[in-house]
Amino acid sequence: MNVQVFDTHVRTTEGGYLHFDVLIEGNDQALAARYARDWLASRGVAQADVSQSRCQFCHSEPAHPEVAAAIARQGYYIILLQSL
């Protein structure tokens, strides 16, 4: 399986910053952004708490088996790169 990587940056209204990649099977930027919002919500960051967000296509790469399993199960995989 090849996955599309969407580079995502989020600033919160409280001054926090998160940088993460959203990996999905297709090249649907709106879907990647929805998955980013879902993942943020699972971490307690509501859409109302986001002051600025960017989720854009970065590159394609072969999926590691763990990533492919997560995508098959939930539609996406997140790689947290930075959290301040």
PDB file of N, CA and C in Angstrom:
ATOM      1  N   MET A   1       0.849  -1.176   0.000  1.00  0.00           N
ATOM      2  CA  MET A   1       0.000   0.000   0.000  1.00  0.00           C
ATOM      3  C   MET A   1       0.897   1.242   0.000  1.00  0.00           C
ATOM      4  N   ASN A   2       0.564   2.185  -0.845  1.00  0.00           N
ATOM      5  CA  ASN A   2       1.201   3.490  -0.840  1.00  0.00           C
ATOM      6  C   ASN A   2       0.306   4.446  -0.074  1.00  0.00           C
ATOM      7  N   VAL A   3       0.881   5.303   0.742  1.00  0.00           N
ATOM      8  CA  VAL A   3       0.096   6.279   1.497  1.00  0.00           C
ATOM      9  C   VAL A   3       0.502   7.685   1.092  1.00  0.00           C
ATOM     10  N   GLN A   4      -0.453   8.581   1.247  1.00  0.00           N
ATOM     11  CA  GLN A   4      -0.221  10.003   1.011  1.00  0.00           C
ATOM     12  C   GLN A   4       0.027  10.645   2.372  1.00  0.00           C
ATOM     13  N   VAL A   5       1.031  11.492   2.444  1.00  0.00           N
ATOM     14  CA  VAL A   5       1.408  12.144   3.699  1.00  0.00           C
ATOM     15  C   VAL A   5       1.007  13.617   3.624  1.00  0.00           C
ATOM     16  N   PHE A   6       0.218  14.038   4.607  1.00  0.00           N
ATOM     17  CA  PHE A   6      -0.226  15.428   4.690  1.00  0.00           C
ATOM     18  C   PHE A   6       0.431  16.077   5.900  1.00  0.00           C
ATOM     19  N   ASP A   7       1.274  17.057   5.650  1.00  0.00           N
ATOM     20  CA  ASP A   7       1.990  17.803   6.682  1.00  0.00           C
ATOM     21  C   ASP A   7       0.999  18.752   7.343  1.00  0.00           C
ATOM     22  N   THR A   8       0.860  18.665   8.658  1.00  0.00           N
ATOM     23  CA  THR A   8      -0.179  19.407   9.370  1.00  0.00           C
ATOM     24  C   THR A   8       0.424  20.214  10.509  1.00  0.00           C
ATOM     25  N   HIS A   9       0.044  21.476  10.569  1.00  0.00           N
ATOM     26  CA  HIS A   9       0.490  22.390  11.620  1.00  0.00           C
ATOM     27  C   HIS A   9      -0.749  23.007  12.259  1.00  0.00           C
ATOM     28  N   VAL A  10      -0.803  23.009  13.591  1.00  0.00           N
ATOM     29  CA  VAL A  10      -1.952  23.563  14.300  1.00  0.00           C
ATOM     30  C   VAL A  10      -1.457  24.452  15.429  1.00  0.00           C
ATOM     31  N   ARG A  11      -2.015  25.636  15.503  1.00  0.00           N
ATOM     32  CA  ARG A  11      -1.801  26.533  16.643  1.00  0.00           C
ATOM     33  C   ARG A  11      -3.127  26.624  17.380  1.00  0.00           C
ATOM     34  N   THR A  12      -3.046  26.565  18.700  1.00  0.00           N
ATOM     35  CA  THR A  12      -4.265  26.645  19.493  1.00  0.00           C
ATOM     36  C   THR A  12      -4.469  28.064  19.999  1.00  0.00           C
ATOM     37  N   THR A  13      -5.687  28.344  20.429  1.00  0.00           N
ATOM     38  CA  THR A  13      -5.997  29.674  20.948  1.00  0.00           C
ATOM     39  C   THR A  13      -5.236  29.972  22.231  1.00  0.00           C
ATOM     40  N   GLU A  14      -4.742  28.921  22.895  1.00  0.00           N
ATOM     41  CA  GLU A  14      -3.985  29.102  24.135  1.00  0.00           C
ATOM     42  C   GLU A  14      -2.475  29.167  23.897  1.00  0.00           C
ATOM     43  N   GLY A  15      -2.051  29.235  22.619  1.00  0.00           N
ATOM     44  CA  GLY A  15      -0.643  29.371  22.303  1.00  0.00           C
ATOM     45  C   GLY A  15       0.094  28.067  22.075  1.00  0.00           C
ATOM     46  N   GLY A  16      -0.603  26.944  22.095  1.00  0.00           N
ATOM     47  CA  GLY A  16       0.039  25.652  21.840  1.00  0.00           C
ATOM     48  C   GLY A  16       0.311  25.459  20.358  1.00  0.00           C
ATOM     49  N   TYR A  17       1.197  24.524  20.072  1.00  0.00           N
ATOM     50  CA  TYR A  17       1.562  24.228  18.681  1.00  0.00           C
ATOM     51  C   TYR A  17       1.720  22.720  18.530  1.00  0.00           C
ATOM     52  N   LEU A  18       1.120  22.170  17.487  1.00  0.00           N
ATOM     53  CA  LEU A  18       1.272  20.758  17.155  1.00  0.00           C
ATOM     54  C   LEU A  18       1.658  20.644  15.696  1.00  0.00           C
ATOM     55  N   HIS A  19       2.629  19.790  15.427  1.00  0.00           N
ATOM     56  CA  HIS A  19       3.062  19.491  14.063  1.00  0.00           C
ATOM     57  C   HIS A  19       2.996  17.984  13.923  1.00  0.00           C
ATOM     58  N   PHE A  20       2.219  17.500  12.959  1.00  0.00           N
ATOM     59  CA  PHE A  20       2.064  16.062  12.775  1.00  0.00           C
ATOM     60  C   PHE A  20       1.754  15.759  11.317  1.00  0.00           C
ATOM     61  N   ASP A  21       1.980  14.508  10.949  1.00  0.00           N
ATOM     62  CA  ASP A  21       1.639  14.032   9.610  1.00  0.00           C
ATOM     63  C   ASP A  21       0.392  13.179   9.694  1.00  0.00           C
ATOM     64  N   VAL A  22      -0.510  13.383   8.736  1.00  0.00           N
ATOM     65  CA  VAL A  22      -1.689  12.541   8.581  1.00  0.00           C
ATOM     66  C   VAL A  22      -1.425  11.655   7.375  1.00  0.00           C
ATOM     67  N   LEU A  23      -1.440  10.344   7.564  1.00  0.00           N
ATOM     68  CA  LEU A  23      -1.208   9.391   6.476  1.00  0.00           C
ATOM     69  C   LEU A  23      -2.531   8.728   6.113  1.00  0.00           C
ATOM     70  N   ILE A  24      -2.891   8.811   4.836  1.00  0.00           N
ATOM     71  CA  ILE A  24      -4.112   8.185   4.340  1.00  0.00           C
ATOM     72  C   ILE A  24      -3.813   7.491   3.018  1.00  0.00           C
ATOM     73  N   GLU A  25      -4.752   6.642   2.598  1.00  0.00           N
ATOM     74  CA  GLU A  25      -4.526   5.890   1.372  1.00  0.00           C
ATOM     75  C   GLU A  25      -4.763   6.737   0.130  1.00  0.00           C
ATOM     76  N   GLY A  26      -5.759   7.583   0.116  1.00  0.00           N
ATOM     77  CA  GLY A  26      -6.066   8.406  -1.057  1.00  0.00           C
ATOM     78  C   GLY A  26      -5.418   9.769  -0.977  1.00  0.00           C
ATOM     79  N   ASN A  27      -5.701  10.599  -1.949  1.00  0.00           N
ATOM     80  CA  ASN A  27      -5.108  11.941  -2.022  1.00  0.00           C
ATOM     81  C   ASN A  27      -6.178  13.009  -1.792  1.00  0.00           C
ATOM     82  N   ASP A  28      -7.033  12.798  -0.803  1.00  0.00           N
ATOM     83  CA  ASP A  28      -8.151  13.695  -0.509  1.00  0.00           C
ATOM     84  C   ASP A  28      -7.767  14.629   0.639  1.00  0.00           C
ATOM     85  N   GLN A  29      -7.429  15.863   0.312  1.00  0.00           N
ATOM     86  CA  GLN A  29      -6.972  16.818   1.323  1.00  0.00           C
ATOM     87  C   GLN A  29      -8.062  17.130   2.343  1.00  0.00           C
ATOM     88  N   ALA A  30      -9.323  17.220   1.901  1.00  0.00           N
ATOM     89  CA  ALA A  30     -10.415  17.495   2.839  1.00  0.00           C
ATOM     90  C   ALA A  30     -10.563  16.350   3.840  1.00  0.00           C
ATOM     91  N   LEU A  31     -10.412  15.123   3.372  1.00  0.00           N
ATOM     92  CA  LEU A  31     -10.492  13.961   4.260  1.00  0.00           C
ATOM     93  C   LEU A  31      -9.330  13.967   5.255  1.00  0.00           C
ATOM     94  N   ALA A  32      -8.128  14.282   4.790  1.00  0.00           N
ATOM     95  CA  ALA A  32      -6.970  14.364   5.679  1.00  0.00           C
ATOM     96  C   ALA A  32      -7.202  15.426   6.756  1.00  0.00           C
ATOM     97  N   ALA A  33      -7.776  16.567   6.374  1.00  0.00           N
ATOM     98  CA  ALA A  33      -8.061  17.627   7.348  1.00  0.00           C
ATOM     99  C   ALA A  33      -9.113  17.166   8.351  1.00  0.00           C
ATOM    100  N   ARG A  34     -10.109  16.405   7.891  1.00  0.00           N
ATOM    101  CA  ARG A  34     -11.127  15.877   8.815  1.00  0.00           C
ATOM    102  C   ARG A  34     -10.497  14.908   9.807  1.00  0.00           C
ATOM    103  N   TYR A  35      -9.635  14.032   9.315  1.00  0.00           N
ATOM    104  CA  TYR A  35      -8.954  13.103  10.209  1.00  0.00           C
ATOM    105  C   TYR A  35      -8.067  13.852  11.205  1.00  0.00           C
ATOM    106  N   ALA A  36      -7.438  14.935  10.762  1.00  0.00           N
ATOM    107  CA  ALA A  36      -6.628  15.749  11.673  1.00  0.00           C
ATOM    108  C   ALA A  36      -7.502  16.320  12.783  1.00  0.00           C
ATOM    109  N   ARG A  37      -8.685  16.836  12.426  1.00  0.00           N
ATOM    110  CA  ARG A  37      -9.611  17.376  13.440  1.00  0.00           C
ATOM    111  C   ARG A  37     -10.076  16.275  14.395  1.00  0.00           C
ATOM    112  N   ASP A  38     -10.377  15.089  13.845  1.00  0.00           N
ATOM    113  CA  ASP A  38     -10.804  13.963  14.684  1.00  0.00           C
ATOM    114  C   ASP A  38      -9.701  13.590  15.684  1.00  0.00           C
ATOM    115  N   TRP A  39      -8.463  13.537  15.187  1.00  0.00           N
ATOM    116  CA  TRP A  39      -7.342  13.177  16.052  1.00  0.00           C
ATOM    117  C   TRP A  39      -7.123  14.238  17.133  1.00  0.00           C
ATOM    118  N   LEU A  40      -7.227  15.507  16.734  1.00  0.00           N
ATOM    119  CA  LEU A  40      -7.090  16.585  17.715  1.00  0.00           C
ATOM    120  C   LEU A  40      -8.171  16.473  18.787  1.00  0.00           C
ATOM    121  N   ALA A  41      -9.400  16.200  18.370  1.00  0.00           N
ATOM    122  CA  ALA A  41     -10.499  16.058  19.323  1.00  0.00           C
ATOM    123  C   ALA A  41     -10.228  14.905  20.287  1.00  0.00           C
ATOM    124  N   SER A  42      -9.623  13.815  19.793  1.00  0.00           N
ATOM    125  CA  SER A  42      -9.305  12.680  20.665  1.00  0.00           C
ATOM    126  C   SER A  42      -8.234  13.049  21.691  1.00  0.00           C
ATOM    127  N   ARG A  43      -7.484  14.113  21.427  1.00  0.00           N
ATOM    128  CA  ARG A  43      -6.463  14.605  22.359  1.00  0.00           C
ATOM    129  C   ARG A  43      -6.992  15.765  23.210  1.00  0.00           C
ATOM    130  N   GLY A  44      -8.286  16.069  23.086  1.00  0.00           N
ATOM    131  CA  GLY A  44      -8.892  17.126  23.889  1.00  0.00           C
ATOM    132  C   GLY A  44      -8.790  18.509  23.294  1.00  0.00           C
ATOM    133  N   VAL A  45      -8.417  18.612  22.011  1.00  0.00           N
ATOM    134  CA  VAL A  45      -8.320  19.910  21.343  1.00  0.00           C
ATOM    135  C   VAL A  45      -9.545  20.060  20.437  1.00  0.00           C
ATOM    136  N   ALA A  46     -10.499  20.879  20.857  1.00  0.00           N
ATOM    137  CA  ALA A  46     -11.714  21.106  20.078  1.00  0.00           C
ATOM    138  C   ALA A  46     -11.440  22.092  18.950  1.00  0.00           C
ATOM    139  N   GLN A  47     -12.250  22.046  17.917  1.00  0.00           N
ATOM    140  CA  GLN A  47     -12.086  22.964  16.783  1.00  0.00           C
ATOM    141  C   GLN A  47     -12.118  24.417  17.261  1.00  0.00           C
ATOM    142  N   ALA A  48     -12.921  24.699  18.272  1.00  0.00           N
ATOM    143  CA  ALA A  48     -13.005  26.063  18.811  1.00  0.00           C
ATOM    144  C   ALA A  48     -11.693  26.493  19.459  1.00  0.00           C
ATOM    145  N   ASP A  49     -10.827  25.534  19.817  1.00  0.00           N
ATOM    146  CA  ASP A  49      -9.547  25.837  20.456  1.00  0.00           C
ATOM    147  C   ASP A  49      -8.426  26.071  19.445  1.00  0.00           C
ATOM    148  N   VAL A  50      -8.721  25.885  18.151  1.00  0.00           N
ATOM    149  CA  VAL A  50      -7.712  26.030  17.108  1.00  0.00           C
ATOM    150  C   VAL A  50      -7.780  27.433  16.533  1.00  0.00           C
ATOM    151  N   SER A  51      -6.650  28.147  16.578  1.00  0.00           N
ATOM    152  CA  SER A  51      -6.626  29.502  16.036  1.00  0.00           C
ATOM    153  C   SER A  51      -6.096  29.515  14.598  1.00  0.00           C
ATOM    154  N   GLN A  52      -5.250  28.548  14.251  1.00  0.00           N
ATOM    155  CA  GLN A  52      -4.685  28.484  12.903  1.00  0.00           C
ATOM    156  C   GLN A  52      -4.320  27.038  12.615  1.00  0.00           C
ATOM    157  N   SER A  53      -4.636  26.585  11.401  1.00  0.00           N
ATOM    158  CA  SER A  53      -4.346  25.197  11.051  1.00  0.00           C
ATOM    159  C   SER A  53      -3.984  25.119   9.573  1.00  0.00           C
ATOM    160  N   ARG A  54      -3.089  24.182   9.254  1.00  0.00           N
ATOM    161  CA  ARG A  54      -2.703  23.944   7.861  1.00  0.00           C
ATOM    162  C   ARG A  54      -2.500  22.447   7.693  1.00  0.00           C
ATOM    163  N   CYS A  55      -3.116  21.884   6.670  1.00  0.00           N
ATOM    164  CA  CYS A  55      -2.969  20.460   6.378  1.00  0.00           C
ATOM    165  C   CYS A  55      -2.825  20.353   4.860  1.00  0.00           C
ATOM    166  N   GLN A  56      -1.598  20.118   4.389  1.00  0.00           N
ATOM    167  CA  GLN A  56      -1.389  20.077   2.945  1.00  0.00           C
ATOM    168  C   GLN A  56      -0.572  18.862   2.540  1.00  0.00           C
ATOM    169  N   PHE A  57      -0.803  18.420   1.307  1.00  0.00           N
ATOM    170  CA  PHE A  57      -0.105  17.255   0.781  1.00  0.00           C
ATOM    171  C   PHE A  57       1.400  17.494   0.804  1.00  0.00           C
ATOM    172  N   CYS A  58       2.132  16.471   1.218  1.00  0.00           N
ATOM    173  CA  CYS A  58       3.588  16.563   1.305  1.00  0.00           C
ATOM    174  C   CYS A  58       4.245  15.599   0.317  1.00  0.00           C
ATOM    175  N   HIS A  59       3.962  14.290   0.441  1.00  0.00           N
ATOM    176  CA  HIS A  59       4.571  13.298  -0.438  1.00  0.00           C
ATOM    177  C   HIS A  59       3.862  11.952  -0.294  1.00  0.00           C
ATOM    178  N   SER A  60       4.241  10.997  -1.122  1.00  0.00           N
ATOM    179  CA  SER A  60       3.748   9.615  -1.046  1.00  0.00           C
ATOM    180  C   SER A  60       4.894   8.715  -0.611  1.00  0.00           C
ATOM    181  N   GLU A  61       4.543   7.619   0.081  1.00  0.00           N
ATOM    182  CA  GLU A  61       5.569   6.660   0.483  1.00  0.00           C
ATOM    183  C   GLU A  61       4.916   5.298   0.721  1.00  0.00           C
ATOM    184  N   PRO A  62       5.700   4.224   0.638  1.00  0.00           N
ATOM    185  CA  PRO A  62       5.164   2.893   0.957  1.00  0.00           C
ATOM    186  C   PRO A  62       4.822   2.825   2.447  1.00  0.00           C
ATOM    187  N   ALA A  63       3.717   2.171   2.762  1.00  0.00           N
ATOM    188  CA  ALA A  63       3.264   2.085   4.148  1.00  0.00           C
ATOM    189  C   ALA A  63       3.949   0.946   4.889  1.00  0.00           C
ATOM    190  N   HIS A  64       4.392   1.227   6.076  1.00  0.00           N
ATOM    191  CA  HIS A  64       4.882   0.211   7.013  1.00  0.00           C
ATOM    192  C   HIS A  64       3.673  -0.658   7.390  1.00  0.00           C
ATOM    193  N   PRO A  65       3.834  -1.941   7.679  1.00  0.00           N
ATOM    194  CA  PRO A  65       2.687  -2.799   8.020  1.00  0.00           C
ATOM    195  C   PRO A  65       1.823  -2.254   9.167  1.00  0.00           C
ATOM    196  N   GLU A  66       2.439  -1.654  10.173  1.00  0.00           N
ATOM    197  CA  GLU A  66       1.675  -1.074  11.287  1.00  0.00           C
ATOM    198  C   GLU A  66       0.794   0.082  10.799  1.00  0.00           C
ATOM    199  N   VAL A  67       1.334   0.899   9.898  1.00  0.00           N
ATOM    200  CA  VAL A  67       0.591   2.022   9.338  1.00  0.00           C
ATOM    201  C   VAL A  67      -0.558   1.500   8.481  1.00  0.00           C
ATOM    202  N   ALA A  68      -0.284   0.517   7.623  1.00  0.00           N
ATOM    203  CA  ALA A  68      -1.317  -0.058   6.761  1.00  0.00           C
ATOM    204  C   ALA A  68      -2.447  -0.654   7.588  1.00  0.00           C
ATOM    205  N   ALA A  69      -2.126  -1.324   8.694  1.00  0.00           N
ATOM    206  CA  ALA A  69      -3.152  -1.911   9.563  1.00  0.00           C
ATOM    207  C   ALA A  69      -4.026  -0.833  10.190  1.00  0.00           C
ATOM    208  N   ALA A  70      -3.412   0.261  10.644  1.00  0.00           N
ATOM    209  CA  ALA A  70      -4.182   1.357  11.244  1.00  0.00           C
ATOM    210  C   ALA A  70      -5.080   2.017  10.213  1.00  0.00           C
ATOM    211  N   ILE A  71      -4.588   2.209   9.009  1.00  0.00           N
ATOM    212  CA  ILE A  71      -5.391   2.821   7.949  1.00  0.00           C
ATOM    213  C   ILE A  71      -6.562   1.913   7.585  1.00  0.00           C
ATOM    214  N   ALA A  72      -6.327   0.609   7.521  1.00  0.00           N
ATOM    215  CA  ALA A  72      -7.407  -0.333   7.234  1.00  0.00           C
ATOM    216  C   ALA A  72      -8.464  -0.300   8.340  1.00  0.00           C
ATOM    217  N   ARG A  73      -8.023  -0.095   9.582  1.00  0.00           N
ATOM    218  CA  ARG A  73      -8.923  -0.107  10.726  1.00  0.00           C
ATOM    219  C   ARG A  73      -9.688   1.205  10.888  1.00  0.00           C
ATOM    220  N   GLN A  74      -8.985   2.351  10.788  1.00  0.00           N
ATOM    221  CA  GLN A  74      -9.635   3.628  11.108  1.00  0.00           C
ATOM    222  C   GLN A  74      -9.569   4.663   9.990  1.00  0.00           C
ATOM    223  N   GLY A  75      -8.874   4.345   8.900  1.00  0.00           N
ATOM    224  CA  GLY A  75      -8.833   5.260   7.764  1.00  0.00           C
ATOM    225  C   GLY A  75      -7.613   6.161   7.717  1.00  0.00           C
ATOM    226  N   TYR A  76      -6.875   6.264   8.820  1.00  0.00           N
ATOM    227  CA  TYR A  76      -5.710   7.160   8.859  1.00  0.00           C
ATOM    228  C   TYR A  76      -4.701   6.697   9.901  1.00  0.00           C
ATOM    229  N   TYR A  77      -3.522   7.305   9.838  1.00  0.00           N
ATOM    230  CA  TYR A  77      -2.473   7.089  10.832  1.00  0.00           C
ATOM    231  C   TYR A  77      -1.809   8.430  11.073  1.00  0.00           C
ATOM    232  N   ILE A  78      -1.533   8.755  12.324  1.00  0.00           N
ATOM    233  CA  ILE A  78      -0.917  10.031  12.684  1.00  0.00           C
ATOM    234  C   ILE A  78       0.500   9.795  13.183  1.00  0.00           C
ATOM    235  N   ILE A  79       1.422  10.624  12.711  1.00  0.00           N
ATOM    236  CA  ILE A  79       2.783  10.641  13.243  1.00  0.00           C
ATOM    237  C   ILE A  79       2.986  12.017  13.881  1.00  0.00           C
ATOM    238  N   LEU A  80       3.061  12.043  15.197  1.00  0.00           N
ATOM    239  CA  LEU A  80       3.295  13.291  15.910  1.00  0.00           C
ATOM    240  C   LEU A  80       4.762  13.667  15.773  1.00  0.00           C
ATOM    241  N   LEU A  81       5.015  14.872  15.272  1.00  0.00           N
ATOM    242  CA  LEU A  81       6.382  15.335  15.057  1.00  0.00           C
ATOM    243  C   LEU A  81       6.819  16.342  16.102  1.00  0.00           C
ATOM    244  N   GLN A  82       5.882  17.180  16.562  1.00  0.00           N
ATOM    245  CA  GLN A  82       6.236  18.214  17.536  1.00  0.00           C
ATOM    246  C   GLN A  82       4.980  18.655  18.283  1.00  0.00           C
ATOM    247  N   SER A  83       5.108  18.835  19.582  1.00  0.00           N
ATOM    248  CA  SER A  83       4.003  19.302  20.415  1.00  0.00           C
ATOM    249  C   SER A  83       4.557  20.248  21.460  1.00  0.00           C
ATOM    250  N   LEU A  84       4.159  21.494  21.391  1.00  0.00           N
ATOM    251  CA  LEU A  84       4.624  22.505  22.359  1.00  0.00           C
ATOM    252  C   LEU A  84       3.435  23.144  23.061  1.00  0.00           C
TER     253      LEU A  84
END
